[in-house]
Amino acid sequence: MSNSALSETSFASSLPQGGRGTARDYLELLKPRVMSLVLFTALVGLAVAPGHINPVIAFAALLCIAVGAGAAGALNMWYDADIDAKMSRTLSRPIPSGRITPGEALGFGSTLAAGSVLTMGVLVNWQSAALLAFTIFFYIFIYTMGLKRRTQQNIVIGGAAGAFPPMIGWAAVTGTVSIESIVLFLIIFMWTPPHFWALALYRSGDYEKAGVPMMPVVSGERETRRQIVLYSLLLVPVTLLPGFLDFAGALYTGSAALLGLVFLVLAFRLGLTPEGPSQERVAKHLFAYSILYLFLIFTMLWVEQGFGVALPAGMFGLAG
C-alpha cells in the first residue's frame, strides 16, 4: 500500500465511527454557496434558451441540477477530507471535524448523484441528464482525484466542471448543445482561474501546508498575479461574444463591457501590487468582485433575453 493510501486510511480511522451529523451538517456537505451559483447559472441557461419548457419540468430540471451539484460537493469533501483537515479554511467541515464519517458522506453523495441524473433523464430529457452525469464525473474523477493534487493547472482544467450548468439548463429546454450554450460555458471557464487564483494568493499558506500545488505555491505569487492579468484579458472579450454572435443586445453588451473594465482595473492593480499585506487586500477585493461580476453578467443576460428587453446589438456596432 502506498504512503498516500496509508495516510488516508490512518486519517479515516482517526474519525468517529458512529455518525452524529445533523441535517445542517449534511446540508454543509452539499456546499450550498457553490450550489447557489451553479443553480443560478443553470437557471439563466434555461431561461434564455429558445423554445418553451413546462414550468413544472423546468423546476424539476433545476432541482436535479442543484442536487447533482450538491452530490459532487459531498463526494469532493469525502475524497479531500484529509487535506481539508490541514487547512484552516476547511478544518471545520463535517468530515474533518468528525460530525460525519467518510463512509456516510460517500453514501450520501453517491445516492444523490445517481438519483439526480436518473430523475433528470426521466422527467426532463436524457441529453441534459448525460451532461449532468458528465459534470459530476468530471468534478470528482478528473478534477478532485486526477488534477487537484498533481498540477498547478488544476483549476484551469478542472474549472470546466463549474462551467457546464448553463449548458445543462440550455439542454433541458432544447435537448441540444449549441454555440450559444458553449459561449455561456466559456464565460465561466475563463472566469474561474482569475477568480480562484485571487483566493489562492491569500490562502497560499493553507494550500502549501496541505500539499496542494496551487499556482502561488508552485510558481510563486508574482507569476500568479501575471496569470490573473492574462486570464482577465482573455475573459472580458469572451463575455462580449454574445453580442458579436447576435444572441445578446446592447443592454447586455454595454453592461458586460463596463463590468469587464472594472474587472481589468482590479486585475491590473493586483498585478502591480508587491507581495505583502497590500497584495492580500487587493486579492480579496478581486475575489469578492469576481463573484459579483459573474452574477451580474448572467443577470443582465437573463433580464435582456429571458424578459425580452433586448436592445439592438448594432447600437454598439457589434452585430455581424
Foldseek 3Di string as FASTA:
>chain_A
DDPVVVLVVVLLVVADPDAQADPVLLVVLLVVVLLVVLLLLLLLLQLQAPADDDPVLLVLLSVLLSLLSRLLSLLLCLLCVSLLCQFPVRVPRCDNVRNGHSVRSNVSSVVSNVVSLVSNCVRFNNLLSVLSNVLSCLLNPVQRVNPFLPDQCSQLVSQLSSLSSSQSSNCSGVVDGDPVSVLSSVLSSLLRLLLVLLVCLLRVVSCVRSNGPHCCVPPNDLVSLVVSLVSLVVNLVSLQVCLLAVSAADQLNVVSNVLSVVLNVLSVVLNPDDDDPVNNVSSVVNNVSSVVSVSVSSVSSCVCRSVVVGDHNCVVPRYD
